């Protein structure tokens, strides 16, 4: 089974088209069809691995014995997936990861106030 066959199977199991997968991981439409005869870059393999929750080894060789959980816990996996799925959230994370804790608290409070305002609970 080739890399392309494994990707097709993963797409089928996830209930998505190859085109949707390509769009969501940020590659050009039809790019995955070339993987029968050539391999994508390591960057794309890592994106595929994260997207489908499998190891790069599985994608390349079909070896499933090394496909144990990538994240330490379910919460970490959920946060990482949310950041991957929502580009704006990713931008916020990138901007916040080096911030001081008191600045993070201020931003957190501001976001909560905005959410309250949207719901009509203006303080």
PDB file of N, CA and C in Angstrom:
ATOM      1  N   UNK A   1       0.853  -1.178   0.000  1.00  0.00           N
ATOM      2  CA  UNK A   1       0.000   0.000   0.000  1.00  0.00           C
ATOM      3  C   UNK A   1       0.899   1.241   0.000  1.00  0.00           C
ATOM      4  N   UNK A   2       0.610   2.182  -0.866  1.00  0.00           N
ATOM      5  CA  UNK A   2       1.411   3.407  -0.979  1.00  0.00           C
ATOM      6  C   UNK A   2       0.930   4.472   0.001  1.00  0.00           C
ATOM      7  N   UNK A   3       1.722   5.531   0.119  1.00  0.00           N
ATOM      8  CA  UNK A   3       1.325   6.676   0.941  1.00  0.00           C
ATOM      9  C   UNK A   3      -0.028   7.195   0.480  1.00  0.00           C
ATOM     10  N   UNK A   4      -0.202   7.327  -0.821  1.00  0.00           N
ATOM     11  CA  UNK A   4      -1.469   7.829  -1.354  1.00  0.00           C
ATOM     12  C   UNK A   4      -2.626   6.920  -0.955  1.00  0.00           C
ATOM     13  N   UNK A   5      -2.425   5.601  -1.010  1.00  0.00           N
ATOM     14  CA  UNK A   5      -3.482   4.673  -0.601  1.00  0.00           C
ATOM     15  C   UNK A   5      -3.843   4.855   0.868  1.00  0.00           C
ATOM     16  N   UNK A   6      -2.816   5.039   1.721  1.00  0.00           N
ATOM     17  CA  UNK A   6      -3.087   5.238   3.148  1.00  0.00           C
ATOM     18  C   UNK A   6      -3.826   6.549   3.379  1.00  0.00           C
ATOM     19  N   UNK A   7      -3.437   7.612   2.668  1.00  0.00           N
ATOM     20  CA  UNK A   7      -4.107   8.899   2.817  1.00  0.00           C
ATOM     21  C   UNK A   7      -5.559   8.793   2.348  1.00  0.00           C
ATOM     22  N   UNK A   8      -5.791   8.118   1.232  1.00  0.00           N
ATOM     23  CA  UNK A   8      -7.161   7.917   0.742  1.00  0.00           C
ATOM     24  C   UNK A   8      -8.001   7.175   1.784  1.00  0.00           C
ATOM     25  N   UNK A   9      -7.412   6.151   2.389  1.00  0.00           N
ATOM     26  CA  UNK A   9      -8.112   5.370   3.413  1.00  0.00           C
ATOM     27  C   UNK A   9      -8.407   6.235   4.641  1.00  0.00           C
ATOM     28  N   UNK A  10      -7.438   7.051   5.068  1.00  0.00           N
ATOM     29  CA  UNK A  10      -7.645   7.934   6.214  1.00  0.00           C
ATOM     30  C   UNK A  10      -8.744   8.957   5.921  1.00  0.00           C
ATOM     31  N   UNK A  11      -8.748   9.494   4.704  1.00  0.00           N
ATOM     32  CA  UNK A  11      -9.808  10.436   4.309  1.00  0.00           C
ATOM     33  C   UNK A  11     -11.170   9.750   4.354  1.00  0.00           C
ATOM     34  N   UNK A  12     -11.231   8.555   3.802  1.00  0.00           N
ATOM     35  CA  UNK A  12     -12.492   7.796   3.780  1.00  0.00           C
ATOM     36  C   UNK A  12     -12.981   7.543   5.205  1.00  0.00           C
ATOM     37  N   UNK A  13     -12.073   7.119   6.083  1.00  0.00           N
ATOM     38  CA  UNK A  13     -12.448   6.844   7.478  1.00  0.00           C
ATOM     39  C   UNK A  13     -12.900   8.104   8.214  1.00  0.00           C
ATOM     40  N   UNK A  14     -12.341   9.252   7.821  1.00  0.00           N
ATOM     41  CA  UNK A  14     -12.706  10.522   8.442  1.00  0.00           C
ATOM     42  C   UNK A  14     -13.949  11.136   7.796  1.00  0.00           C
ATOM     43  N   UNK A  15     -14.396  10.548   6.694  1.00  0.00           N
ATOM     44  CA  UNK A  15     -15.576  11.053   6.003  1.00  0.00           C
ATOM     45  C   UNK A  15     -15.343  12.372   5.276  1.00  0.00           C
ATOM     46  N   UNK A  16     -14.131  12.553   4.769  1.00  0.00           N
ATOM     47  CA  UNK A  16     -13.800  13.784   4.044  1.00  0.00           C
ATOM     48  C   UNK A  16     -13.208  13.441   2.683  1.00  0.00           C
ATOM     49  N   UNK A  17     -13.234  14.386   1.784  1.00  0.00           N
ATOM     50  CA  UNK A  17     -12.626  14.191   0.470  1.00  0.00           C
ATOM     51  C   UNK A  17     -11.144  14.534   0.541  1.00  0.00           C
ATOM     52  N   UNK A  18     -10.399  14.048  -0.443  1.00  0.00           N
ATOM     53  CA  UNK A  18      -8.985  14.422  -0.527  1.00  0.00           C
ATOM     54  C   UNK A  18      -8.859  15.923  -0.727  1.00  0.00           C
ATOM     55  N   UNK A  19      -9.754  16.491  -1.506  1.00  0.00           N
ATOM     56  CA  UNK A  19      -9.720  17.930  -1.743  1.00  0.00           C
ATOM     57  C   UNK A  19      -9.884  18.728  -0.465  1.00  0.00           C
ATOM     58  N   UNK A  20     -10.811  18.289   0.397  1.00  0.00           N
ATOM     59  CA  UNK A  20     -11.012  18.983   1.670  1.00  0.00           C
ATOM     60  C   UNK A  20      -9.768  18.856   2.533  1.00  0.00           C
ATOM     61  N   UNK A  21      -9.181  17.660   2.585  1.00  0.00           N
ATOM     62  CA  UNK A  21      -7.957  17.453   3.361  1.00  0.00           C
ATOM     63  C   UNK A  21      -6.856  18.366   2.842  1.00  0.00           C
ATOM     64  N   UNK A  22      -6.694  18.434   1.512  1.00  0.00           N
ATOM     65  CA  UNK A  22      -5.652  19.276   0.927  1.00  0.00           C
ATOM     66  C   UNK A  22      -5.845  20.737   1.331  1.00  0.00           C
ATOM     67  N   UNK A  23      -7.081  21.202   1.241  1.00  0.00           N
ATOM     68  CA  UNK A  23      -7.375  22.584   1.603  1.00  0.00           C
ATOM     69  C   UNK A  23      -7.082  22.837   3.079  1.00  0.00           C
ATOM     70  N   UNK A  24      -7.494  21.914   3.944  1.00  0.00           N
ATOM     71  CA  UNK A  24      -7.350  22.119   5.388  1.00  0.00           C
ATOM     72  C   UNK A  24      -5.904  22.044   5.868  1.00  0.00           C
ATOM     73  N   UNK A  25      -5.041  21.305   5.165  1.00  0.00           N
ATOM     74  CA  UNK A  25      -3.636  21.284   5.587  1.00  0.00           C
ATOM     75  C   UNK A  25      -2.801  22.303   4.816  1.00  0.00           C
ATOM     76  N   UNK A  26      -3.441  23.002   3.862  1.00  0.00           N
ATOM     77  CA  UNK A  26      -2.775  24.096   3.178  1.00  0.00           C
ATOM     78  C   UNK A  26      -1.909  23.712   1.993  1.00  0.00           C
ATOM     79  N   UNK A  27      -2.327  22.679   1.244  1.00  0.00           N
ATOM     80  CA  UNK A  27      -1.598  22.323   0.029  1.00  0.00           C
ATOM     81  C   UNK A  27      -2.506  22.521  -1.176  1.00  0.00           C
ATOM     82  N   UNK A  28      -1.917  22.566  -2.349  1.00  0.00           N
ATOM     83  CA  UNK A  28      -2.699  22.853  -3.550  1.00  0.00           C
ATOM     84  C   UNK A  28      -3.634  21.701  -3.901  1.00  0.00           C
ATOM     85  N   UNK A  29      -4.715  22.069  -4.552  1.00  0.00           N
ATOM     86  CA  UNK A  29      -5.717  21.093  -4.975  1.00  0.00           C
ATOM     87  C   UNK A  29      -5.073  20.095  -5.936  1.00  0.00           C
ATOM     88  N   UNK A  30      -5.224  18.810  -5.650  1.00  0.00           N
ATOM     89  CA  UNK A  30      -4.679  17.759  -6.496  1.00  0.00           C
ATOM     90  C   UNK A  30      -3.261  17.352  -6.157  1.00  0.00           C
ATOM     91  N   UNK A  31      -2.627  18.039  -5.197  1.00  0.00           N
ATOM     92  CA  UNK A  31      -1.229  17.737  -4.858  1.00  0.00           C
ATOM     93  C   UNK A  31      -1.055  16.314  -4.348  1.00  0.00           C
ATOM     94  N   UNK A  32      -2.028  15.818  -3.606  1.00  0.00           N
ATOM     95  CA  UNK A  32      -1.878  14.483  -3.021  1.00  0.00           C
ATOM     96  C   UNK A  32      -1.905  13.378  -4.078  1.00  0.00           C
ATOM     97  N   UNK A  33      -2.466  13.661  -5.239  1.00  0.00           N
ATOM     98  CA  UNK A  33      -2.521  12.621  -6.282  1.00  0.00           C
ATOM     99  C   UNK A  33      -1.132  12.258  -6.791  1.00  0.00           C
ATOM    100  N   UNK A  34      -0.142  13.098  -6.545  1.00  0.00           N
ATOM    101  CA  UNK A  34       1.240  12.832  -6.979  1.00  0.00           C
ATOM    102  C   UNK A  34       1.987  11.896  -6.040  1.00  0.00           C
ATOM    103  N   UNK A  35       1.386  11.603  -4.889  1.00  0.00           N
ATOM    104  CA  UNK A  35       2.094  10.838  -3.863  1.00  0.00           C
ATOM    105  C   UNK A  35       2.186   9.348  -4.148  1.00  0.00           C
ATOM    106  N   UNK A  36       1.611   8.872  -5.223  1.00  0.00           N
ATOM    107  CA  UNK A  36       1.766   7.463  -5.571  1.00  0.00           C
ATOM    108  C   UNK A  36       3.214   7.199  -5.995  1.00  0.00           C
ATOM    109  N   UNK A  37       3.830   8.183  -6.650  1.00  0.00           N
ATOM    110  CA  UNK A  37       5.179   7.999  -7.184  1.00  0.00           C
ATOM    111  C   UNK A  37       6.256   8.826  -6.497  1.00  0.00           C
ATOM    112  N   UNK A  38       5.845   9.803  -5.700  1.00  0.00           N
ATOM    113  CA  UNK A  38       6.826  10.627  -4.997  1.00  0.00           C
ATOM    114  C   UNK A  38       6.282  10.972  -3.617  1.00  0.00           C
ATOM    115  N   UNK A  39       7.192  11.328  -2.737  1.00  0.00           N
ATOM    116  CA  UNK A  39       6.794  11.650  -1.365  1.00  0.00           C
ATOM    117  C   UNK A  39       6.732  13.153  -1.167  1.00  0.00           C
ATOM    118  N   UNK A  40       5.796  13.606  -0.339  1.00  0.00           N
ATOM    119  CA  UNK A  40       5.740  15.038  -0.010  1.00  0.00           C
ATOM    120  C   UNK A  40       6.879  15.404   0.930  1.00  0.00           C
ATOM    121  N   UNK A  41       7.032  16.675   1.165  1.00  0.00           N
ATOM    122  CA  UNK A  41       8.064  17.152   2.089  1.00  0.00           C
ATOM    123  C   UNK A  41       7.763  16.691   3.514  1.00  0.00           C
ATOM    124  N   UNK A  42       8.774  16.757   4.356  1.00  0.00           N
ATOM    125  CA  UNK A  42       8.600  16.398   5.763  1.00  0.00           C
ATOM    126  C   UNK A  42       7.578  17.321   6.422  1.00  0.00           C
ATOM    127  N   UNK A  43       7.563  18.589   6.027  1.00  0.00           N
ATOM    128  CA  UNK A  43       6.589  19.534   6.573  1.00  0.00           C
ATOM    129  C   UNK A  43       5.160  19.056   6.285  1.00  0.00           C
ATOM    130  N   UNK A  44       4.910  18.622   5.069  1.00  0.00           N
ATOM    131  CA  UNK A  44       3.570  18.144   4.706  1.00  0.00           C
ATOM    132  C   UNK A  44       3.268  16.831   5.412  1.00  0.00           C
ATOM    133  N   UNK A  45       4.259  15.954   5.515  1.00  0.00           N
ATOM    134  CA  UNK A  45       4.044  14.698   6.255  1.00  0.00           C
ATOM    135  C   UNK A  45       3.675  14.989   7.709  1.00  0.00           C
ATOM    136  N   UNK A  46       4.327  15.965   8.314  1.00  0.00           N
ATOM    137  CA  UNK A  46       3.999  16.335   9.701  1.00  0.00           C
ATOM    138  C   UNK A  46       2.584  16.892   9.800  1.00  0.00           C
ATOM    139  N   UNK A  47       2.182  17.704   8.815  1.00  0.00           N
ATOM    140  CA  UNK A  47       0.815  18.227   8.806  1.00  0.00           C
ATOM    141  C   UNK A  47      -0.190  17.096   8.674  1.00  0.00           C
ATOM    142  N   UNK A  48       0.087  16.147   7.789  1.00  0.00           N
ATOM    143  CA  UNK A  48      -0.800  14.989   7.622  1.00  0.00           C
ATOM    144  C   UNK A  48      -0.879  14.176   8.907  1.00  0.00           C
ATOM    145  N   UNK A  49       0.267  13.976   9.529  1.00  0.00           N
ATOM    146  CA  UNK A  49       0.333  13.206  10.763  1.00  0.00           C
ATOM    147  C   UNK A  49      -0.539  13.840  11.844  1.00  0.00           C
ATOM    148  N   UNK A  50      -0.415  15.151  11.997  1.00  0.00           N
ATOM    149  CA  UNK A  50      -1.212  15.876  12.989  1.00  0.00           C
ATOM    150  C   UNK A  50      -2.687  15.846  12.608  1.00  0.00           C
ATOM    151  N   UNK A  51      -2.963  16.089  11.354  1.00  0.00           N
ATOM    152  CA  UNK A  51      -4.347  16.162  10.864  1.00  0.00           C
ATOM    153  C   UNK A  51      -5.100  14.856  11.106  1.00  0.00           C
ATOM    154  N   UNK A  52      -4.448  13.730  10.811  1.00  0.00           N
ATOM    155  CA  UNK A  52      -5.120  12.438  10.949  1.00  0.00           C
ATOM    156  C   UNK A  52      -4.856  11.751  12.286  1.00  0.00           C
ATOM    157  N   UNK A  53      -3.931  12.282  13.083  1.00  0.00           N
ATOM    158  CA  UNK A  53      -3.628  11.667  14.371  1.00  0.00           C
ATOM    159  C   UNK A  53      -2.903  10.336  14.240  1.00  0.00           C
ATOM    160  N   UNK A  54      -2.025  10.245  13.241  1.00  0.00           N
ATOM    161  CA  UNK A  54      -1.217   9.039  13.039  1.00  0.00           C
ATOM    162  C   UNK A  54       0.249   9.460  12.989  1.00  0.00           C
ATOM    163  N   UNK A  55       1.137   8.496  13.062  1.00  0.00           N
ATOM    164  CA  UNK A  55       2.563   8.817  12.999  1.00  0.00           C
ATOM    165  C   UNK A  55       3.012   8.969  11.551  1.00  0.00           C
ATOM    166  N   UNK A  56       4.119   9.682  11.367  1.00  0.00           N
ATOM    167  CA  UNK A  56       4.724   9.784  10.039  1.00  0.00           C
ATOM    168  C   UNK A  56       5.155   8.398   9.573  1.00  0.00           C
ATOM    169  N   UNK A  57       5.627   7.585  10.496  1.00  0.00           N
ATOM    170  CA  UNK A  57       6.016   6.213  10.167  1.00  0.00           C
ATOM    171  C   UNK A  57       4.825   5.446   9.575  1.00  0.00           C
ATOM    172  N   UNK A  58       3.648   5.630  10.151  1.00  0.00           N
ATOM    173  CA  UNK A  58       2.472   4.969   9.600  1.00  0.00           C
ATOM    174  C   UNK A  58       2.175   5.468   8.190  1.00  0.00           C
ATOM    175  N   UNK A  59       2.250   6.780   7.995  1.00  0.00           N
ATOM    176  CA  UNK A  59       1.972   7.338   6.666  1.00  0.00           C
ATOM    177  C   UNK A  59       2.928   6.777   5.621  1.00  0.00           C
ATOM    178  N   UNK A  60       4.200   6.694   5.963  1.00  0.00           N
ATOM    179  CA  UNK A  60       5.211   6.274   4.995  1.00  0.00           C
ATOM    180  C   UNK A  60       5.289   4.766   4.818  1.00  0.00           C
ATOM    181  N   UNK A  61       5.153   4.020   5.908  1.00  0.00           N
ATOM    182  CA  UNK A  61       5.407   2.573   5.857  1.00  0.00           C
ATOM    183  C   UNK A  61       4.221   1.704   6.248  1.00  0.00           C
ATOM    184  N   UNK A  62       3.194   2.305   6.812  1.00  0.00           N
ATOM    185  CA  UNK A  62       2.056   1.518   7.264  1.00  0.00           C
ATOM    186  C   UNK A  62       2.273   0.837   8.599  1.00  0.00           C
ATOM    187  N   UNK A  63       3.382   1.200   9.279  1.00  0.00           N
ATOM    188  CA  UNK A  63       3.683   0.599  10.577  1.00  0.00           C
ATOM    189  C   UNK A  63       2.846   1.259  11.651  1.00  0.00           C
ATOM    190  N   UNK A  64       1.977   0.484  12.266  1.00  0.00           N
ATOM    191  CA  UNK A  64       1.086   1.037  13.275  1.00  0.00           C
ATOM    192  C   UNK A  64       1.587   0.841  14.695  1.00  0.00           C
ATOM    193  N   UNK A  65       2.635   0.067  14.885  1.00  0.00           N
ATOM    194  CA  UNK A  65       3.059  -0.187  16.257  1.00  0.00           C
ATOM    195  C   UNK A  65       3.572   1.051  16.962  1.00  0.00           C
ATOM    196  N   UNK A  66       3.972   2.080  16.224  1.00  0.00           N
ATOM    197  CA  UNK A  66       4.478   3.296  16.841  1.00  0.00           C
ATOM    198  C   UNK A  66       3.472   4.437  16.774  1.00  0.00           C
ATOM    199  N   UNK A  67       2.195   4.109  16.774  1.00  0.00           N
ATOM    200  CA  UNK A  67       1.180   5.146  16.655  1.00  0.00           C
ATOM    201  C   UNK A  67       0.533   5.482  18.003  1.00  0.00           C
ATOM    202  N   UNK A  68       1.305   5.340  19.112  1.00  0.00           N
ATOM    203  CA  UNK A  68       0.745   5.690  20.407  1.00  0.00           C
ATOM    204  C   UNK A  68       0.415   7.177  20.448  1.00  0.00           C
ATOM    205  N   UNK A  69      -0.330   7.561  21.433  1.00  0.00           N
ATOM    206  CA  UNK A  69      -0.809   8.940  21.528  1.00  0.00           C
ATOM    207  C   UNK A  69       0.355   9.926  21.438  1.00  0.00           C
ATOM    208  N   UNK A  70       0.200  10.919  20.599  1.00  0.00           N
ATOM    209  CA  UNK A  70       1.227  11.927  20.393  1.00  0.00           C
ATOM    210  C   UNK A  70       1.251  12.934  21.539  1.00  0.00           C
ATOM    211  N   UNK A  71       0.077  13.238  22.079  1.00  0.00           N
ATOM    212  CA  UNK A  71      -0.031  14.245  23.131  1.00  0.00           C
ATOM    213  C   UNK A  71      -0.041  13.592  24.508  1.00  0.00           C
ATOM    214  N   UNK A  72       0.343  14.383  25.492  1.00  0.00           N
ATOM    215  CA  UNK A  72       0.414  13.877  26.857  1.00  0.00           C
ATOM    216  C   UNK A  72      -0.957  13.525  27.424  1.00  0.00           C
ATOM    217  N   UNK A  73      -1.977  14.292  27.011  1.00  0.00           N
ATOM    218  CA  UNK A  73      -3.317  14.029  27.518  1.00  0.00           C
ATOM    219  C   UNK A  73      -4.352  14.548  26.528  1.00  0.00           C
ATOM    220  N   UNK A  74      -5.609  14.233  26.782  1.00  0.00           N
ATOM    221  CA  UNK A  74      -6.690  14.614  25.868  1.00  0.00           C
ATOM    222  C   UNK A  74      -6.859  16.122  25.773  1.00  0.00           C
ATOM    223  N   UNK A  75      -6.669  16.844  26.875  1.00  0.00           N
ATOM    224  CA  UNK A  75      -6.828  18.301  26.866  1.00  0.00           C
ATOM    225  C   UNK A  75      -5.804  18.941  25.928  1.00  0.00           C
ATOM    226  N   UNK A  76      -4.551  18.492  25.997  1.00  0.00           N
ATOM    227  CA  UNK A  76      -3.507  19.018  25.127  1.00  0.00           C
ATOM    228  C   UNK A  76      -3.842  18.738  23.665  1.00  0.00           C
ATOM    229  N   UNK A  77      -4.326  17.546  23.378  1.00  0.00           N
ATOM    230  CA  UNK A  77      -4.715  17.182  22.021  1.00  0.00           C
ATOM    231  C   UNK A  77      -5.841  18.083  21.539  1.00  0.00           C
ATOM    232  N   UNK A  78      -6.840  18.338  22.373  1.00  0.00           N
ATOM    233  CA  UNK A  78      -7.976  19.184  22.002  1.00  0.00           C
ATOM    234  C   UNK A  78      -7.534  20.619  21.715  1.00  0.00           C
ATOM    235  N   UNK A  79      -6.643  21.151  22.555  1.00  0.00           N
ATOM    236  CA  UNK A  79      -6.159  22.518  22.362  1.00  0.00           C
ATOM    237  C   UNK A  79      -5.355  22.603  21.065  1.00  0.00           C
ATOM    238  N   UNK A  80      -4.469  21.636  20.850  1.00  0.00           N
ATOM    239  CA  UNK A  80      -3.659  21.639  19.623  1.00  0.00           C
ATOM    240  C   UNK A  80      -4.552  21.542  18.387  1.00  0.00           C
ATOM    241  N   UNK A  81      -5.572  20.719  18.432  1.00  0.00           N
ATOM    242  CA  UNK A  81      -6.476  20.586  17.291  1.00  0.00           C
ATOM    243  C   UNK A  81      -7.261  21.869  17.069  1.00  0.00           C
ATOM    244  N   UNK A  82      -7.694  22.510  18.140  1.00  0.00           N
ATOM    245  CA  UNK A  82      -8.430  23.775  18.012  1.00  0.00           C
ATOM    246  C   UNK A  82      -7.563  24.856  17.372  1.00  0.00           C
ATOM    247  N   UNK A  83      -6.299  24.907  17.773  1.00  0.00           N
ATOM    248  CA  UNK A  83      -5.377  25.879  17.184  1.00  0.00           C
ATOM    249  C   UNK A  83      -5.136  25.562  15.718  1.00  0.00           C
ATOM    250  N   UNK A  84      -5.026  24.290  15.394  1.00  0.00           N
ATOM    251  CA  UNK A  84      -4.834  23.882  14.000  1.00  0.00           C
ATOM    252  C   UNK A  84      -6.058  24.217  13.159  1.00  0.00           C
ATOM    253  N   UNK A  85      -7.245  23.986  13.697  1.00  0.00           N
ATOM    254  CA  UNK A  85      -8.486  24.203  12.953  1.00  0.00           C
ATOM    255  C   UNK A  85      -8.834  25.678  12.778  1.00  0.00           C
ATOM    256  N   UNK A  86      -8.459  26.507  13.734  1.00  0.00           N
ATOM    257  CA  UNK A  86      -8.855  27.913  13.738  1.00  0.00           C
ATOM    258  C   UNK A  86      -7.603  28.782  13.619  1.00  0.00           C
ATOM    259  N   UNK A  87      -7.352  29.288  12.416  1.00  0.00           N
ATOM    260  CA  UNK A  87      -6.127  30.056  12.161  1.00  0.00           C
ATOM    261  C   UNK A  87      -6.039  31.305  13.033  1.00  0.00           C
ATOM    262  N   UNK A  88      -7.176  31.964  13.313  1.00  0.00           N
ATOM    263  CA  UNK A  88      -7.156  33.143  14.169  1.00  0.00           C
ATOM    264  C   UNK A  88      -6.737  32.780  15.592  1.00  0.00           C
ATOM    265  N   UNK A  89      -7.206  31.630  16.064  1.00  0.00           N
ATOM    266  CA  UNK A  89      -6.796  31.167  17.384  1.00  0.00           C
ATOM    267  C   UNK A  89      -5.296  30.881  17.401  1.00  0.00           C
ATOM    268  N   UNK A  90      -4.797  30.347  16.302  1.00  0.00           N
ATOM    269  CA  UNK A  90      -3.360  30.119  16.172  1.00  0.00           C
ATOM    270  C   UNK A  90      -2.576  31.411  16.250  1.00  0.00           C
ATOM    271  N   UNK A  91      -3.103  32.476  15.616  1.00  0.00           N
ATOM    272  CA  UNK A  91      -2.444  33.774  15.684  1.00  0.00           C
ATOM    273  C   UNK A  91      -2.406  34.294  17.121  1.00  0.00           C
ATOM    274  N   UNK A  92      -3.524  34.124  17.835  1.00  0.00           N
ATOM    275  CA  UNK A  92      -3.554  34.541  19.246  1.00  0.00           C
ATOM    276  C   UNK A  92      -2.544  33.764  20.077  1.00  0.00           C
ATOM    277  N   UNK A  93      -2.476  32.462  19.849  1.00  0.00           N
ATOM    278  CA  UNK A  93      -1.526  31.632  20.597  1.00  0.00           C
ATOM    279  C   UNK A  93      -0.094  32.078  20.319  1.00  0.00           C
ATOM    280  N   UNK A  94       0.239  32.294  19.035  1.00  0.00           N
ATOM    281  CA  UNK A  94       1.589  32.732  18.689  1.00  0.00           C
ATOM    282  C   UNK A  94       1.946  34.051  19.363  1.00  0.00           C
ATOM    283  N   UNK A  95       0.988  34.970  19.394  1.00  0.00           N
ATOM    284  CA  UNK A  95       1.235  36.272  20.013  1.00  0.00           C
ATOM    285  C   UNK A  95       1.354  36.152  21.532  1.00  0.00           C
ATOM    286  N   UNK A  96       0.649  35.212  22.132  1.00  0.00           N
ATOM    287  CA  UNK A  96       0.583  35.114  23.589  1.00  0.00           C
ATOM    288  C   UNK A  96       1.657  34.236  24.210  1.00  0.00           C
ATOM    289  N   UNK A  97       2.279  33.361  23.440  1.00  0.00           N
ATOM    290  CA  UNK A  97       3.162  32.371  24.067  1.00  0.00           C
ATOM    291  C   UNK A  97       4.374  32.960  24.770  1.00  0.00           C
ATOM    292  N   UNK A  98       4.795  34.179  24.387  1.00  0.00           N
ATOM    293  CA  UNK A  98       5.933  34.805  25.060  1.00  0.00           C
ATOM    294  C   UNK A  98       5.521  35.945  25.987  1.00  0.00           C
ATOM    295  N   UNK A  99       4.227  36.121  26.181  1.00  0.00           N
ATOM    296  CA  UNK A  99       3.728  37.230  26.997  1.00  0.00           C
ATOM    297  C   UNK A  99       3.914  36.942  28.492  1.00  0.00           C
ATOM    298  N   UNK A 100       3.960  38.016  29.264  1.00  0.00           N
ATOM    299  CA  UNK A 100       4.034  37.913  30.721  1.00  0.00           C
ATOM    300  C   UNK A 100       2.686  37.431  31.255  1.00  0.00           C
ATOM    301  N   UNK A 101       2.696  36.758  32.381  1.00  0.00           N
ATOM    302  CA  UNK A 101       1.457  36.192  32.921  1.00  0.00           C
ATOM    303  C   UNK A 101       0.424  37.275  33.233  1.00  0.00           C
ATOM    304  N   UNK A 102       0.854  38.439  33.718  1.00  0.00           N
ATOM    305  CA  UNK A 102      -0.118  39.498  34.014  1.00  0.00           C
ATOM    306  C   UNK A 102      -0.739  40.054  32.724  1.00  0.00           C
ATOM    307  N   UNK A 103       0.021  40.061  31.633  1.00  0.00           N
ATOM    308  CA  UNK A 103      -0.525  40.491  30.341  1.00  0.00           C
ATOM    309  C   UNK A 103      -1.534  39.462  29.820  1.00  0.00           C
ATOM    310  N   UNK A 104      -1.231  38.197  30.015  1.00  0.00           N
ATOM    311  CA  UNK A 104      -2.173  37.145  29.606  1.00  0.00           C
ATOM    312  C   UNK A 104      -3.475  37.256  30.384  1.00  0.00           C
ATOM    313  N   UNK A 105      -3.373  37.564  31.677  1.00  0.00           N
ATOM    314  CA  UNK A 105      -4.573  37.743  32.506  1.00  0.00           C
ATOM    315  C   UNK A 105      -5.398  38.912  31.993  1.00  0.00           C
ATOM    316  N   UNK A 106      -4.742  40.009  31.620  1.00  0.00           N
ATOM    317  CA  UNK A 106      -5.444  41.185  31.091  1.00  0.00           C
ATOM    318  C   UNK A 106      -6.168  40.841  29.799  1.00  0.00           C
ATOM    319  N   UNK A 107      -5.487  40.163  28.894  1.00  0.00           N
ATOM    320  CA  UNK A 107      -6.110  39.771  27.620  1.00  0.00           C
ATOM    321  C   UNK A 107      -7.272  38.816  27.864  1.00  0.00           C
ATOM    322  N   UNK A 108      -7.100  37.887  28.777  1.00  0.00           N
ATOM    323  CA  UNK A 108      -8.167  36.946  29.126  1.00  0.00           C
ATOM    324  C   UNK A 108      -9.395  37.695  29.619  1.00  0.00           C
ATOM    325  N   UNK A 109      -9.187  38.650  30.520  1.00  0.00           N
ATOM    326  CA  UNK A 109     -10.297  39.447  31.049  1.00  0.00           C
ATOM    327  C   UNK A 109     -10.984  40.245  29.937  1.00  0.00           C
ATOM    328  N   UNK A 110     -10.187  40.779  29.006  1.00  0.00           N
ATOM    329  CA  UNK A 110     -10.757  41.543  27.893  1.00  0.00           C
ATOM    330  C   UNK A 110     -11.617  40.641  26.998  1.00  0.00           C
ATOM    331  N   UNK A 111     -11.146  39.445  26.721  1.00  0.00           N
ATOM    332  CA  UNK A 111     -11.917  38.511  25.892  1.00  0.00           C
ATOM    333  C   UNK A 111     -13.219  38.105  26.571  1.00  0.00           C
ATOM    334  N   UNK A 112     -13.161  37.878  27.865  1.00  0.00           N
ATOM    335  CA  UNK A 112     -14.386  37.545  28.601  1.00  0.00           C
ATOM    336  C   UNK A 112     -15.374  38.708  28.551  1.00  0.00           C
ATOM    337  N   UNK A 113     -14.882  39.937  28.675  1.00  0.00           N
ATOM    338  CA  UNK A 113     -15.755  41.118  28.606  1.00  0.00           C
ATOM    339  C   UNK A 113     -16.387  41.231  27.218  1.00  0.00           C
ATOM    340  N   UNK A 114     -15.623  40.961  26.173  1.00  0.00           N
ATOM    341  CA  UNK A 114     -16.174  40.989  24.809  1.00  0.00           C
ATOM    342  C   UNK A 114     -17.259  39.930  24.627  1.00  0.00           C
ATOM    343  N   UNK A 115     -17.025  38.746  25.169  1.00  0.00           N
ATOM    344  CA  UNK A 115     -18.031  37.684  25.070  1.00  0.00           C
ATOM    345  C   UNK A 115     -19.309  38.063  25.809  1.00  0.00           C
ATOM    346  N   UNK A 116     -19.153  38.676  26.998  1.00  0.00           N
ATOM    347  CA  UNK A 116     -20.328  39.120  27.749  1.00  0.00           C
ATOM    348  C   UNK A 116     -21.090  40.181  26.960  1.00  0.00           C
ATOM    349  N   UNK A 117     -20.381  41.100  26.346  1.00  0.00           N
ATOM    350  CA  UNK A 117     -20.994  42.160  25.540  1.00  0.00           C
ATOM    351  C   UNK A 117     -21.780  41.548  24.367  1.00  0.00           C
ATOM    352  N   UNK A 118     -21.218  40.552  23.702  1.00  0.00           N
ATOM    353  CA  UNK A 118     -21.902  39.884  22.589  1.00  0.00           C
ATOM    354  C   UNK A 118     -23.206  39.236  23.042  1.00  0.00           C
ATOM    355  N   UNK A 119     -23.213  38.709  24.273  1.00  0.00           N
ATOM    356  CA  UNK A 119     -24.417  38.052  24.790  1.00  0.00           C
ATOM    357  C   UNK A 119     -25.406  39.061  25.370  1.00  0.00           C
ATOM    358  N   UNK A 120     -25.021  40.333  25.414  1.00  0.00           N
ATOM    359  CA  UNK A 120     -25.906  41.347  25.949  1.00  0.00           C
ATOM    360  C   UNK A 120     -25.778  41.556  27.431  1.00  0.00           C
ATOM    361  N   UNK A 121     -24.794  40.943  28.059  1.00  0.00           N
ATOM    362  CA  UNK A 121     -24.561  41.096  29.504  1.00  0.00           C
ATOM    363  C   UNK A 121     -23.534  42.193  29.724  1.00  0.00           C
ATOM    364  N   UNK A 122     -23.845  43.395  29.307  1.00  0.00           N
ATOM    365  CA  UNK A 122     -22.905  44.509  29.415  1.00  0.00           C
ATOM    366  C   UNK A 122     -22.809  44.948  30.864  1.00  0.00           C
ATOM    367  N   UNK A 123     -21.584  45.000  31.357  1.00  0.00           N
ATOM    368  CA  UNK A 123     -21.356  45.411  32.758  1.00  0.00           C
ATOM    369  C   UNK A 123     -21.411  46.906  32.900  1.00  0.00           C
TER     370      UNK A 123
END
